[in-house]
C-alpha atoms as a PDB file:
ATOM      1  CA  MET A   1      36.007  25.527 -37.588  1.00  0.00           C
ATOM      2  CA  LYS A   2      35.819  24.970 -33.824  1.00  0.00           C
ATOM      3  CA  LYS A   3      32.026  24.981 -33.962  1.00  0.00           C
ATOM      4  CA  VAL A   4      31.975  22.370 -36.739  1.00  0.00           C
ATOM      5  CA  ILE A   5      34.300  20.101 -34.772  1.00  0.00           C
ATOM      6  CA  LEU A   6      32.189  20.528 -31.602  1.00  0.00           C
ATOM      7  CA  VAL A   7      28.965  19.765 -33.483  1.00  0.00           C
ATOM      8  CA  LEU A   8      30.565  16.737 -35.152  1.00  0.00           C
ATOM      9  CA  ALA A   9      31.863  15.481 -31.776  1.00  0.00           C
ATOM     10  CA  ALA A  10      28.404  15.942 -30.199  1.00  0.00           C
ATOM     11  CA  VAL A  11      26.726  14.022 -33.038  1.00  0.00           C
ATOM     12  CA  LEU A  12      29.239  11.158 -32.775  1.00  0.00           C
ATOM     13  CA  MET A  13      28.836  10.981 -28.987  1.00  0.00           C
ATOM     14  CA  SER A  14      25.040  10.919 -29.225  1.00  0.00           C
ATOM     15  CA  MET A  15      25.189   8.183 -31.878  1.00  0.00           C
ATOM     16  CA  SER A  16      27.479   6.195 -29.599  1.00  0.00           C
ATOM     17  CA  ALA A  17      25.074   6.636 -26.672  1.00  0.00           C
ATOM     18  CA  MET A  18      22.083   5.618 -28.808  1.00  0.00           C
ATOM     19  CA  ALA A  19      23.916   2.430 -29.852  1.00  0.00           C
ATOM     20  CA  GLN A  20      23.660   1.329 -26.202  1.00  0.00           C
ATOM     21  CA  PHE A  21      19.840   1.530 -26.388  1.00  0.00           C
ATOM     22  CA  GLN A  22      17.793  -1.211 -28.000  1.00  0.00           C
ATOM     23  CA  PHE A  23      14.030  -1.477 -28.282  1.00  0.00           C
ATOM     24  CA  GLY A  24      12.156  -4.684 -28.893  1.00  0.00           C
ATOM     25  CA  VAL A  25       9.010  -6.782 -28.783  1.00  0.00           C
ATOM     26  CA  LYS A  26       8.351 -10.165 -27.192  1.00  0.00           C
ATOM     27  CA  ALA A  27       5.672 -12.809 -26.901  1.00  0.00           C
ATOM     28  CA  GLY A  28       5.586 -15.979 -24.893  1.00  0.00           C
ATOM     29  CA  PHE A  29       3.996 -18.886 -23.116  1.00  0.00           C
ATOM     30  CA  ASP A  30       3.361 -18.746 -19.361  1.00  0.00           C
ATOM     31  CA  MET A  31       2.374 -21.261 -16.717  1.00  0.00           C
ATOM     32  CA  THR A  32       0.626 -19.313 -13.961  1.00  0.00           C
ATOM     33  CA  ASN A  33      -0.868 -20.106 -10.581  1.00  0.00           C
ATOM     34  CA  PHE A  34      -1.708 -18.626  -7.208  1.00  0.00           C
ATOM     35  CA  TRP A  35       0.453 -19.552  -4.243  1.00  0.00           C
ATOM     36  CA  GLY A  36       0.317 -18.900  -0.506  1.00  0.00           C
ATOM     37  CA  SER A  37      -0.968 -20.454   2.697  1.00  0.00           C
ATOM     38  CA  ASP A  38      -4.621 -19.809   1.756  1.00  0.00           C
ATOM     39  CA  THR A  39      -4.610 -21.533  -1.624  1.00  0.00           C
ATOM     40  CA  LYS A  40      -4.005 -24.788  -3.456  1.00  0.00           C
ATOM     41  CA  HIS A  41      -4.462 -23.624  -7.045  1.00  0.00           C
ATOM     42  CA  GLY A  42      -3.091 -25.585  -9.962  1.00  0.00           C
ATOM     43  CA  MET A  43      -1.045 -24.303 -12.893  1.00  0.00           C
ATOM     44  CA  GLN A  44      -2.825 -22.736 -15.840  1.00  0.00           C
ATOM     45  CA  PRO A  45      -1.378 -22.177 -19.346  1.00  0.00           C
ATOM     46  CA  ASN A  46      -1.413 -18.514 -20.400  1.00  0.00           C
ATOM     47  CA  TYR A  47       0.430 -16.016 -22.596  1.00  0.00           C
ATOM     48  CA  GLN A  48       2.208 -12.669 -22.616  1.00  0.00           C
ATOM     49  CA  ILE A  49       2.931 -10.024 -25.258  1.00  0.00           C
ATOM     50  CA  GLY A  50       4.665  -6.672 -25.019  1.00  0.00           C
ATOM     51  CA  GLY A  51       7.602  -4.394 -25.605  1.00  0.00           C
ATOM     52  CA  LEU A  52      10.906  -3.619 -23.958  1.00  0.00           C
ATOM     53  CA  MET A  53      13.836  -1.256 -23.905  1.00  0.00           C
ATOM     54  CA  GLU A  54      17.369  -2.267 -22.998  1.00  0.00           C
ATOM     55  CA  TYR A  55      20.229   0.008 -22.041  1.00  0.00           C
ATOM     56  CA  LYS A  56      23.724  -1.406 -21.535  1.00  0.00           C
ATOM     57  CA  PHE A  57      25.894   0.557 -19.111  1.00  0.00           C
ATOM     58  CA  ASN A  58      28.945  -1.478 -20.188  1.00  0.00           C
ATOM     59  CA  ASP A  59      29.761  -5.049 -21.305  1.00  0.00           C
ATOM     60  CA  LYS A  60      28.577  -6.562 -17.989  1.00  0.00           C
ATOM     61  CA  PHE A  61      25.607  -4.504 -16.744  1.00  0.00           C
ATOM     62  CA  GLY A  62      22.373  -3.237 -18.207  1.00  0.00           C
ATOM     63  CA  ILE A  63      18.771  -2.398 -17.382  1.00  0.00           C
ATOM     64  CA  SER A  64      15.639  -3.479 -19.232  1.00  0.00           C
ATOM     65  CA  PRO A  65      12.194  -2.061 -18.443  1.00  0.00           C
ATOM     66  CA  GLU A  66       9.266  -3.800 -20.143  1.00  0.00           C
ATOM     67  CA  VAL A  67       5.552  -3.204 -20.652  1.00  0.00           C
ATOM     68  CA  VAL A  68       3.788  -6.542 -21.072  1.00  0.00           C
ATOM     69  CA  PHE A  69       0.174  -7.693 -21.177  1.00  0.00           C
ATOM     70  CA  ALA A  70       0.085 -10.970 -19.234  1.00  0.00           C
ATOM     71  CA  ALA A  71      -2.843 -13.345 -18.849  1.00  0.00           C
ATOM     72  CA  GLN A  72      -2.467 -14.844 -15.369  1.00  0.00           C
ATOM     73  CA  GLY A  73      -4.526 -16.865 -12.919  1.00  0.00           C
ATOM     74  CA  GLY A  74      -4.997 -20.368 -11.621  1.00  0.00           C
ATOM     75  CA  LYS A  75      -7.343 -23.343 -11.414  1.00  0.00           C
ATOM     76  CA  PHE A  76      -9.040 -24.737  -8.333  1.00  0.00           C
ATOM     77  CA  ASN A  77     -11.457 -27.695  -8.469  1.00  0.00           C
ATOM     78  CA  HIS A  78     -13.884 -26.747 -11.257  1.00  0.00           C
ATOM     79  CA  GLN A  79     -13.097 -23.028 -11.276  1.00  0.00           C
ATOM     80  CA  THR A  80     -10.711 -21.098 -13.516  1.00  0.00           C
ATOM     81  CA  PHE A  81      -9.487 -17.734 -12.217  1.00  0.00           C
ATOM     82  CA  ASN A  82      -8.333 -15.253 -14.873  1.00  0.00           C
ATOM     83  CA  VAL A  83      -6.589 -12.136 -13.567  1.00  0.00           C
ATOM     84  CA  ASN A  84      -4.875 -10.246 -16.379  1.00  0.00           C
ATOM     85  CA  TYR A  85      -2.305  -7.510 -15.860  1.00  0.00           C
ATOM     86  CA  ILE A  86      -0.309  -4.860 -17.618  1.00  0.00           C
ATOM     87  CA  ASN A  87       3.041  -5.766 -16.045  1.00  0.00           C
ATOM     88  CA  VAL A  88       5.963  -3.367 -15.852  1.00  0.00           C
ATOM     89  CA  PRO A  89       9.105  -5.243 -14.791  1.00  0.00           C
ATOM     90  CA  VAL A  90      12.356  -3.271 -14.456  1.00  0.00           C
ATOM     91  CA  LEU A  91      15.133  -5.829 -14.724  1.00  0.00           C
ATOM     92  CA  MET A  92      18.799  -5.372 -13.954  1.00  0.00           C
ATOM     93  CA  LYS A  93      20.885  -7.448 -16.346  1.00  0.00           C
ATOM     94  CA  TYR A  94      24.246  -9.035 -15.610  1.00  0.00           C
ATOM     95  CA  TYR A  95      25.945 -10.351 -18.757  1.00  0.00           C
ATOM     96  CA  ILE A  96      27.867 -13.565 -18.146  1.00  0.00           C
ATOM     97  CA  ASN A  97      29.039 -13.271 -21.753  1.00  0.00           C
ATOM     98  CA  PRO A  98      27.720 -11.350 -24.803  1.00  0.00           C
ATOM     99  CA  SER A  99      25.001 -13.973 -25.365  1.00  0.00           C
ATOM    100  CA  VAL A 100      23.748 -14.745 -21.833  1.00  0.00           C
ATOM    101  CA  ALA A 101      22.390 -12.376 -19.178  1.00  0.00           C
ATOM    102  CA  ILE A 102      20.950 -13.021 -15.726  1.00  0.00           C
ATOM    103  CA  ASP A 103      17.854 -10.817 -15.179  1.00  0.00           C
ATOM    104  CA  PHE A 104      16.567  -9.693 -11.771  1.00  0.00           C
ATOM    105  CA  GLY A 105      14.226  -6.943 -10.615  1.00  0.00           C
ATOM    106  CA  PRO A 106      10.882  -5.708  -9.354  1.00  0.00           C
ATOM    107  CA  GLN A 107       7.601  -5.841 -11.238  1.00  0.00           C
ATOM    108  CA  LEU A 108       4.495  -3.692 -10.942  1.00  0.00           C
ATOM    109  CA  GLY A 109       1.258  -5.203 -12.267  1.00  0.00           C
ATOM    110  CA  ILE A 110      -1.916  -3.239 -13.008  1.00  0.00           C
ATOM    111  CA  ASN A 111      -5.042  -5.418 -12.942  1.00  0.00           C
ATOM    112  CA  VAL A 112      -7.089  -4.906 -16.123  1.00  0.00           C
ATOM    113  CA  TYR A 113      -9.395  -7.962 -16.077  1.00  0.00           C
ATOM    114  CA  SER A 114     -10.589 -10.370 -13.393  1.00  0.00           C
ATOM    115  CA  LYS A 115     -13.128 -13.129 -13.988  1.00  0.00           C
ATOM    116  CA  VAL A 116     -13.934 -16.551 -12.552  1.00  0.00           C
ATOM    117  CA  THR A 117     -15.382 -19.319 -14.717  1.00  0.00           C
ATOM    118  CA  ALA A 118     -17.081 -22.218 -12.916  1.00  0.00           C
ATOM    119  CA  ASP A 119     -17.814 -25.493 -14.688  1.00  0.00           C
ATOM    120  CA  ALA A 120     -20.712 -27.314 -13.022  1.00  0.00           C
ATOM    121  CA  GLY A 121     -21.557 -30.494 -14.936  1.00  0.00           C
ATOM    122  CA  GLY A 122     -20.738 -29.041 -18.368  1.00  0.00           C
ATOM    123  CA  THR A 123     -22.472 -25.706 -17.704  1.00  0.00           C
ATOM    124  CA  LYS A 124     -19.976 -22.842 -17.567  1.00  0.00           C
ATOM    125  CA  THR A 125     -20.762 -19.640 -15.694  1.00  0.00           C
ATOM    126  CA  THR A 126     -18.444 -16.617 -15.819  1.00  0.00           C
ATOM    127  CA  THR A 127     -18.528 -13.989 -13.065  1.00  0.00           C
ATOM    128  CA  ASP A 128     -16.777 -10.619 -12.915  1.00  0.00           C
ATOM    129  CA  TRP A 129     -14.207 -10.788 -10.133  1.00  0.00           C
ATOM    130  CA  LYS A 130     -12.717  -7.265 -10.453  1.00  0.00           C
ATOM    131  CA  ASN A 131     -14.188  -5.979  -7.169  1.00  0.00           C
ATOM    132  CA  ALA A 132     -12.681  -8.924  -5.267  1.00  0.00           C
ATOM    133  CA  THR A 133      -9.105  -8.437  -6.576  1.00  0.00           C
ATOM    134  CA  LYS A 134      -6.551  -5.719  -5.941  1.00  0.00           C
ATOM    135  CA  ALA A 135      -5.854  -3.158  -8.628  1.00  0.00           C
ATOM    136  CA  VAL A 136      -2.058  -3.371  -8.186  1.00  0.00           C
ATOM    137  CA  ASP A 137       0.293  -6.340  -7.810  1.00  0.00           C
ATOM    138  CA  PHE A 138       3.973  -6.253  -6.835  1.00  0.00           C
ATOM    139  CA  GLY A 139       6.458  -9.012  -7.557  1.00  0.00           C
ATOM    140  CA  LEU A 140      10.090  -9.950  -8.151  1.00  0.00           C
ATOM    141  CA  GLY A 141      11.401 -11.543 -11.316  1.00  0.00           C
ATOM    142  CA  LEU A 142      14.463 -13.743 -11.759  1.00  0.00           C
ATOM    143  CA  GLY A 143      15.525 -15.312 -15.020  1.00  0.00           C
ATOM    144  CA  ALA A 144      17.876 -15.299 -17.971  1.00  0.00           C
ATOM    145  CA  THR A 145      18.059 -13.945 -21.505  1.00  0.00           C
ATOM    146  CA  TYR A 146      19.859 -15.784 -24.286  1.00  0.00           C
ATOM    147  CA  ASN A 147      20.680 -13.679 -27.350  1.00  0.00           C
ATOM    148  CA  LEU A 148      20.366 -16.017 -30.351  1.00  0.00           C
ATOM    149  CA  THR A 149      21.556 -13.299 -32.745  1.00  0.00           C
ATOM    150  CA  GLU A 150      22.090  -9.551 -32.584  1.00  0.00           C
ATOM    151  CA  HIS A 151      18.305  -9.157 -32.779  1.00  0.00           C
ATOM    152  CA  ALA A 152      16.579 -12.435 -31.730  1.00  0.00           C
ATOM    153  CA  PHE A 153      16.483 -13.582 -28.106  1.00  0.00           C
ATOM    154  CA  LEU A 154      14.897 -16.128 -25.766  1.00  0.00           C
ATOM    155  CA  GLN A 155      13.919 -15.429 -22.152  1.00  0.00           C
ATOM    156  CA  ALA A 156      13.036 -17.677 -19.243  1.00  0.00           C
ATOM    157  CA  ARG A 157      11.815 -16.105 -16.006  1.00  0.00           C
ATOM    158  CA  TYR A 158       9.937 -16.796 -12.814  1.00  0.00           C
ATOM    159  CA  THR A 159       7.990 -13.931 -11.262  1.00  0.00           C
ATOM    160  CA  LEU A 160       7.088 -14.336  -7.614  1.00  0.00           C
ATOM    161  CA  GLY A 161       4.126 -12.266  -6.427  1.00  0.00           C
ATOM    162  CA  LEU A 162       4.700 -10.408  -3.148  1.00  0.00           C
ATOM    163  CA  THR A 163       1.205  -9.014  -2.531  1.00  0.00           C
ATOM    164  CA  SER A 164      -2.157 -10.741  -2.155  1.00  0.00           C
ATOM    165  CA  VAL A 165      -4.372 -10.934  -5.229  1.00  0.00           C
ATOM    166  CA  TYR A 166      -7.554 -10.718  -3.150  1.00  0.00           C
ATOM    167  CA  ASP A 167      -8.842  -7.332  -2.033  1.00  0.00           C
ATOM    168  CA  GLY A 168     -10.314  -8.820   1.147  1.00  0.00           C
ATOM    169  CA  GLY A 169      -6.981 -10.197   2.387  1.00  0.00           C
ATOM    170  CA  GLY A 170      -5.735 -13.738   2.589  1.00  0.00           C
ATOM    171  CA  ASP A 171      -2.390 -15.166   1.548  1.00  0.00           C
ATOM    172  CA  VAL A 172      -2.964 -15.703  -2.198  1.00  0.00           C
ATOM    173  CA  LYS A 173      -0.224 -14.401  -4.511  1.00  0.00           C
ATOM    174  CA  ASN A 174       0.630 -14.678  -8.209  1.00  0.00           C
ATOM    175  CA  GLY A 175       3.244 -17.079  -9.534  1.00  0.00           C
ATOM    176  CA  ASN A 176       4.343 -16.971 -13.164  1.00  0.00           C
ATOM    177  CA  ILE A 177       6.786 -19.134 -15.151  1.00  0.00           C
ATOM    178  CA  GLN A 178       7.536 -17.419 -18.482  1.00  0.00           C
ATOM    179  CA  ILE A 179       9.205 -18.546 -21.698  1.00  0.00           C
ATOM    180  CA  ALA A 180       9.363 -15.798 -24.342  1.00  0.00           C
ATOM    181  CA  PHE A 181      10.827 -15.132 -27.779  1.00  0.00           C
ATOM    182  CA  GLY A 182      11.673 -11.583 -28.761  1.00  0.00           C
ATOM    183  CA  TRP A 183      13.203  -9.314 -31.364  1.00  0.00           C
ATOM    184  CA  LYS A 184      15.359  -6.231 -30.704  1.00  0.00           C
ATOM    185  CA  PHE A 185      15.501  -3.457 -33.292  1.00  0.00           C
END
């Protein structure tokens, strides 16, 4: 009888712990640019899509790592810079109330695609830019999550790049304003 009670208690405790975990997917619209003393790039519309996990320590604090494909880049004169990343933000969450959380944390980006498209009098030329950009990008994200329902949520975030995009140096970093809709399972 003791063994049955212990097994039942272990099952109930593990179910309780699993209730604190949620997995989800998200997609969104981004406005991206490069910033720094060596650049004057304009904003460029882009997108993001990915998955996330959220663990709530208690009613006020949680953590949410994500894996997101993000199209990023900027525009300068007649050139469009596309530098796409697999971003892995790890966000600490502070719940103001059950529906609203402030999100803050570091982000690691892995460069998967870098191209420059130049438009000279209607003729577009695309050049591979991978050798001129760094393979890894570090940044910090700050934003908020609004839980519309138990499953649906909206996010708004700004991610500030901390490392130069260019492999050859220079003060050119990523900037990313994100608006996303998601669904937790």
